Amino acid sequence: MNNQNEVLDAEIYESNVTRKPIHLVSGMVRFVNFVIDNSIVLLLSAMIQASGLLGEFGYARNVIFSPNYILASLCYFVTSEYFFKKSIGKLVTKTRVVRKDGRAIKFTNILIRTLCRHIPFEPLSCFGSNVVGWHDSLSNTLVVKEGFKKLF
């Protein structure tokens, strides 16, 4: 019936309409997205650091929690997902982000997703039997294959 890569849409389930599965991407695809996107964010972060935009405030021993990295992450993910509905990593892997009901993501979903990426150990939440990461579940979004059609 359902496997680890299918999730039933809650609104469809609650409205007693025929249930349609949403096919999620695998953990390996999520990992490829992570590597590509975070390489770009690290590059942007280094550029912000080199520019001195945030001055000494931008420096931190742990790059992931530095103000430079957080600013770069916000700029990259919010801009790419708002205007193009996908990041460069998702462009390469032919995936995209949708809300749990299959509709296009809104700005608030994007902002929550991006902020949640900074939760310690969050990237590990996409591995194992559950490929829905914390930044997905907290923003009510899913990463699906590009050919996925809107449910209604």
C-alpha atoms as a PDB file:
ATOM      1  CA  MET A   1       0.000   0.000   0.000  1.00  0.00           C
ATOM      2  CA  ASN A   2       1.985   3.051   1.184  1.00  0.00           C
ATOM      3  CA  ASN A   3       5.757   2.917   1.351  1.00  0.00           C
ATOM      4  CA  GLN A   4       8.287   5.314   2.820  1.00  0.00           C
ATOM      5  CA  ASN A   5       8.214   7.512  -0.312  1.00  0.00           C
ATOM      6  CA  GLU A   6       4.461   8.167  -0.288  1.00  0.00           C
ATOM      7  CA  VAL A   7       2.455  10.509   1.907  1.00  0.00           C
ATOM      8  CA  LEU A   8      -1.319  10.882   1.793  1.00  0.00           C
ATOM      9  CA  ASP A   9      -2.467  14.474   1.635  1.00  0.00           C
ATOM     10  CA  ALA A  10      -4.241  15.420   4.881  1.00  0.00           C
ATOM     11  CA  GLU A  11      -6.823  17.692   3.244  1.00  0.00           C
ATOM     12  CA  ILE A  12      -7.827  15.034   0.738  1.00  0.00           C
ATOM     13  CA  TYR A  13      -8.002  12.453   3.497  1.00  0.00           C
ATOM     14  CA  GLU A  14     -10.186  14.684   5.674  1.00  0.00           C
ATOM     15  CA  SER A  15     -12.544  15.595   2.829  1.00  0.00           C
ATOM     16  CA  ASN A  16     -13.172  11.890   2.040  1.00  0.00           C
ATOM     17  CA  VAL A  17     -12.208  12.392  -1.594  1.00  0.00           C
ATOM     18  CA  THR A  18     -10.218   9.660  -3.311  1.00  0.00           C
ATOM     19  CA  ARG A  19      -6.764   9.556  -1.760  1.00  0.00           C
ATOM     20  CA  LYS A  20      -3.866  10.312  -4.095  1.00  0.00           C
ATOM     21  CA  PRO A  21      -0.290   9.563  -3.062  1.00  0.00           C
ATOM     22  CA  ILE A  22       2.436  12.180  -3.277  1.00  0.00           C
ATOM     23  CA  HIS A  23       5.722  10.576  -4.323  1.00  0.00           C
ATOM     24  CA  LEU A  24       8.602  12.006  -2.341  1.00  0.00           C
ATOM     25  CA  VAL A  25      12.196  11.988  -3.533  1.00  0.00           C
ATOM     26  CA  SER A  26      14.730   9.630  -1.971  1.00  0.00           C
ATOM     27  CA  GLY A  27      17.199  10.467   0.772  1.00  0.00           C
ATOM     28  CA  MET A  28      20.029  10.294  -1.778  1.00  0.00           C
ATOM     29  CA  VAL A  29      18.391  12.957  -3.953  1.00  0.00           C
ATOM     30  CA  ARG A  30      17.906  15.086  -0.826  1.00  0.00           C
ATOM     31  CA  PHE A  31      21.613  14.637  -0.058  1.00  0.00           C
ATOM     32  CA  VAL A  32      22.621  15.773  -3.565  1.00  0.00           C
ATOM     33  CA  ASN A  33      20.384  18.850  -3.166  1.00  0.00           C
ATOM     34  CA  PHE A  34      22.011  19.544   0.202  1.00  0.00           C
ATOM     35  CA  VAL A  35      25.575  19.310  -1.145  1.00  0.00           C
ATOM     36  CA  ILE A  36      24.901  21.537  -4.161  1.00  0.00           C
ATOM     37  CA  ASP A  37      22.881  24.158  -2.294  1.00  0.00           C
ATOM     38  CA  ASN A  38      25.150  24.342   0.729  1.00  0.00           C
ATOM     39  CA  SER A  39      28.229  24.659  -1.474  1.00  0.00           C
ATOM     40  CA  ILE A  40      26.612  27.713  -3.045  1.00  0.00           C
ATOM     41  CA  VAL A  41      25.603  29.115   0.359  1.00  0.00           C
ATOM     42  CA  LEU A  42      29.165  28.631   1.662  1.00  0.00           C
ATOM     43  CA  LEU A  43      30.512  30.481  -1.381  1.00  0.00           C
ATOM     44  CA  LEU A  44      28.046  33.335  -0.841  1.00  0.00           C
ATOM     45  CA  SER A  45      28.954  33.387   2.846  1.00  0.00           C
ATOM     46  CA  ALA A  46      32.647  33.689   1.995  1.00  0.00           C
ATOM     47  CA  MET A  47      31.850  36.542  -0.382  1.00  0.00           C
ATOM     48  CA  ILE A  48      29.902  38.345   2.366  1.00  0.00           C
ATOM     49  CA  GLN A  49      32.793  37.773   4.777  1.00  0.00           C
ATOM     50  CA  ALA A  50      35.346  39.062   2.248  1.00  0.00           C
ATOM     51  CA  SER A  51      33.239  42.155   1.554  1.00  0.00           C
ATOM     52  CA  GLY A  52      33.136  43.017   5.241  1.00  0.00           C
ATOM     53  CA  LEU A  53      29.414  43.691   4.895  1.00  0.00           C
ATOM     54  CA  LEU A  54      28.676  42.599   8.461  1.00  0.00           C
ATOM     55  CA  GLY A  55      32.054  43.603   9.891  1.00  0.00           C
ATOM     56  CA  GLU A  56      33.177  41.735  12.994  1.00  0.00           C
ATOM     57  CA  PHE A  57      29.564  40.840  13.725  1.00  0.00           C
ATOM     58  CA  GLY A  58      29.636  38.432  10.766  1.00  0.00           C
ATOM     59  CA  TYR A  59      32.492  36.327  12.134  1.00  0.00           C
ATOM     60  CA  ALA A  60      31.889  33.140  14.108  1.00  0.00           C
ATOM     61  CA  ARG A  61      34.039  30.089  14.814  1.00  0.00           C
ATOM     62  CA  ASN A  62      31.332  27.755  13.527  1.00  0.00           C
ATOM     63  CA  VAL A  63      30.598  28.759   9.933  1.00  0.00           C
ATOM     64  CA  ILE A  64      27.104  27.238   9.903  1.00  0.00           C
ATOM     65  CA  PHE A  65      25.958  29.508  12.727  1.00  0.00           C
ATOM     66  CA  SER A  66      27.782  32.630  11.582  1.00  0.00           C
ATOM     67  CA  PRO A  67      25.694  35.679  10.676  1.00  0.00           C
ATOM     68  CA  ASN A  68      27.394  35.632   7.250  1.00  0.00           C
ATOM     69  CA  TYR A  69      26.194  32.075   6.589  1.00  0.00           C
ATOM     70  CA  ILE A  70      22.679  32.779   7.873  1.00  0.00           C
ATOM     71  CA  LEU A  71      22.417  35.902   5.681  1.00  0.00           C
ATOM     72  CA  ALA A  72      23.740  33.996   2.655  1.00  0.00           C
ATOM     73  CA  SER A  73      21.297  31.152   3.323  1.00  0.00           C
ATOM     74  CA  LEU A  74      18.339  33.516   3.626  1.00  0.00           C
ATOM     75  CA  CYS A  75      19.291  35.363   0.446  1.00  0.00           C
ATOM     76  CA  TYR A  76      19.897  32.190  -1.558  1.00  0.00           C
ATOM     77  CA  PHE A  77      16.945  30.033  -0.525  1.00  0.00           C
ATOM     78  CA  VAL A  78      14.334  32.776  -0.221  1.00  0.00           C
ATOM     79  CA  THR A  79      15.282  34.298  -3.576  1.00  0.00           C
ATOM     80  CA  SER A  80      15.586  31.039  -5.518  1.00  0.00           C
ATOM     81  CA  GLU A  81      12.545  29.317  -4.033  1.00  0.00           C
ATOM     82  CA  TYR A  82      10.326  32.416  -4.189  1.00  0.00           C
ATOM     83  CA  PHE A  83      11.106  33.419  -7.764  1.00  0.00           C
ATOM     84  CA  PHE A  84      11.911  30.037  -9.346  1.00  0.00           C
ATOM     85  CA  LYS A  85      10.153  27.650  -6.903  1.00  0.00           C
ATOM     86  CA  LYS A  86      13.386  25.657  -6.634  1.00  0.00           C
ATOM     87  CA  SER A  87      17.019  26.013  -5.685  1.00  0.00           C
ATOM     88  CA  ILE A  88      19.918  25.208  -8.000  1.00  0.00           C
ATOM     89  CA  GLY A  89      20.232  21.808  -6.309  1.00  0.00           C
ATOM     90  CA  LYS A  90      16.591  21.076  -7.089  1.00  0.00           C
ATOM     91  CA  LEU A  91      17.083  22.301 -10.661  1.00  0.00           C
ATOM     92  CA  VAL A  92      19.902  19.775 -11.117  1.00  0.00           C
ATOM     93  CA  THR A  93      17.948  16.882  -9.573  1.00  0.00           C
ATOM     94  CA  LYS A  94      14.660  17.845 -11.273  1.00  0.00           C
ATOM     95  CA  THR A  95      12.766  18.209  -8.013  1.00  0.00           C
ATOM     96  CA  ARG A  96      10.696  20.973  -6.463  1.00  0.00           C
ATOM     97  CA  VAL A  97       9.033  22.000  -3.237  1.00  0.00           C
ATOM     98  CA  VAL A  98       5.251  21.961  -2.822  1.00  0.00           C
ATOM     99  CA  ARG A  99       2.925  22.395   0.118  1.00  0.00           C
ATOM    100  CA  LYS A 100       1.576  19.169   1.610  1.00  0.00           C
ATOM    101  CA  ASP A 101      -1.653  19.622  -0.369  1.00  0.00           C
ATOM    102  CA  GLY A 102       0.329  19.728  -3.622  1.00  0.00           C
ATOM    103  CA  ARG A 103      -0.100  23.447  -4.277  1.00  0.00           C
ATOM    104  CA  ALA A 104       2.727  25.905  -4.881  1.00  0.00           C
ATOM    105  CA  ILE A 105       4.671  27.102  -1.847  1.00  0.00           C
ATOM    106  CA  LYS A 106       4.038  30.550  -0.385  1.00  0.00           C
ATOM    107  CA  PHE A 107       6.558  33.052   0.938  1.00  0.00           C
ATOM    108  CA  THR A 108       5.838  32.026   4.540  1.00  0.00           C
ATOM    109  CA  ASN A 109       6.580  28.364   3.725  1.00  0.00           C
ATOM    110  CA  ILE A 110       9.887  29.398   2.147  1.00  0.00           C
ATOM    111  CA  LEU A 111      10.879  31.601   5.078  1.00  0.00           C
ATOM    112  CA  ILE A 112      10.051  28.909   7.655  1.00  0.00           C
ATOM    113  CA  ARG A 113      11.921  26.256   5.598  1.00  0.00           C
ATOM    114  CA  THR A 114      14.978  28.487   5.383  1.00  0.00           C
ATOM    115  CA  LEU A 115      15.038  29.403   9.079  1.00  0.00           C
ATOM    116  CA  CYS A 116      14.525  25.763  10.100  1.00  0.00           C
ATOM    117  CA  ARG A 117      17.619  24.741   8.114  1.00  0.00           C
ATOM    118  CA  HIS A 118      19.646  26.312  10.930  1.00  0.00           C
ATOM    119  CA  ILE A 119      18.349  23.941  13.601  1.00  0.00           C
ATOM    120  CA  PRO A 120      21.339  21.898  14.832  1.00  0.00           C
ATOM    121  CA  PHE A 121      21.470  18.437  13.210  1.00  0.00           C
ATOM    122  CA  GLU A 122      18.551  19.339  10.920  1.00  0.00           C
ATOM    123  CA  PRO A 123      20.230  17.928   7.776  1.00  0.00           C
ATOM    124  CA  LEU A 124      20.268  14.495   9.441  1.00  0.00           C
ATOM    125  CA  SER A 125      16.471  14.560   9.674  1.00  0.00           C
ATOM    126  CA  CYS A 126      16.196  13.709   5.946  1.00  0.00           C
ATOM    127  CA  PHE A 127      17.932  10.353   6.334  1.00  0.00           C
ATOM    128  CA  GLY A 128      16.595   7.036   7.476  1.00  0.00           C
ATOM    129  CA  SER A 129      13.111   5.755   6.730  1.00  0.00           C
ATOM    130  CA  ASN A 130      11.572   9.241   6.883  1.00  0.00           C
ATOM    131  CA  VAL A 131      12.725  11.463   3.994  1.00  0.00           C
ATOM    132  CA  VAL A 132      10.694  14.411   5.266  1.00  0.00           C
ATOM    133  CA  GLY A 133      13.144  16.713   7.037  1.00  0.00           C
ATOM    134  CA  TRP A 134      12.352  19.005   9.924  1.00  0.00           C
ATOM    135  CA  HIS A 135      12.455  21.997   7.593  1.00  0.00           C
ATOM    136  CA  ASP A 136       9.753  20.243   5.532  1.00  0.00           C
ATOM    137  CA  SER A 137       7.505  19.156   8.385  1.00  0.00           C
ATOM    138  CA  LEU A 138       7.695  22.495  10.234  1.00  0.00           C
ATOM    139  CA  SER A 139       6.873  24.443   7.051  1.00  0.00           C
ATOM    140  CA  ASN A 140       4.222  21.956   5.825  1.00  0.00           C
ATOM    141  CA  THR A 141       6.095  21.299   2.589  1.00  0.00           C
ATOM    142  CA  LEU A 142       7.410  18.304   0.653  1.00  0.00           C
ATOM    143  CA  VAL A 143      10.121  17.782  -1.961  1.00  0.00           C
ATOM    144  CA  VAL A 144       8.717  15.955  -4.982  1.00  0.00           C
ATOM    145  CA  LYS A 145       9.812  14.903  -8.438  1.00  0.00           C
ATOM    146  CA  GLU A 146       9.426  17.580 -11.117  1.00  0.00           C
ATOM    147  CA  GLY A 147       6.663  15.727 -12.954  1.00  0.00           C
ATOM    148  CA  PHE A 148       4.379  15.811  -9.892  1.00  0.00           C
ATOM    149  CA  LYS A 149       0.976  17.302 -10.734  1.00  0.00           C
ATOM    150  CA  LYS A 150      -1.152  19.402  -8.437  1.00  0.00           C
ATOM    151  CA  LEU A 151      -3.717  17.233  -6.639  1.00  0.00           C
ATOM    152  CA  PHE A 152      -6.698  19.534  -7.228  1.00  0.00           C
END
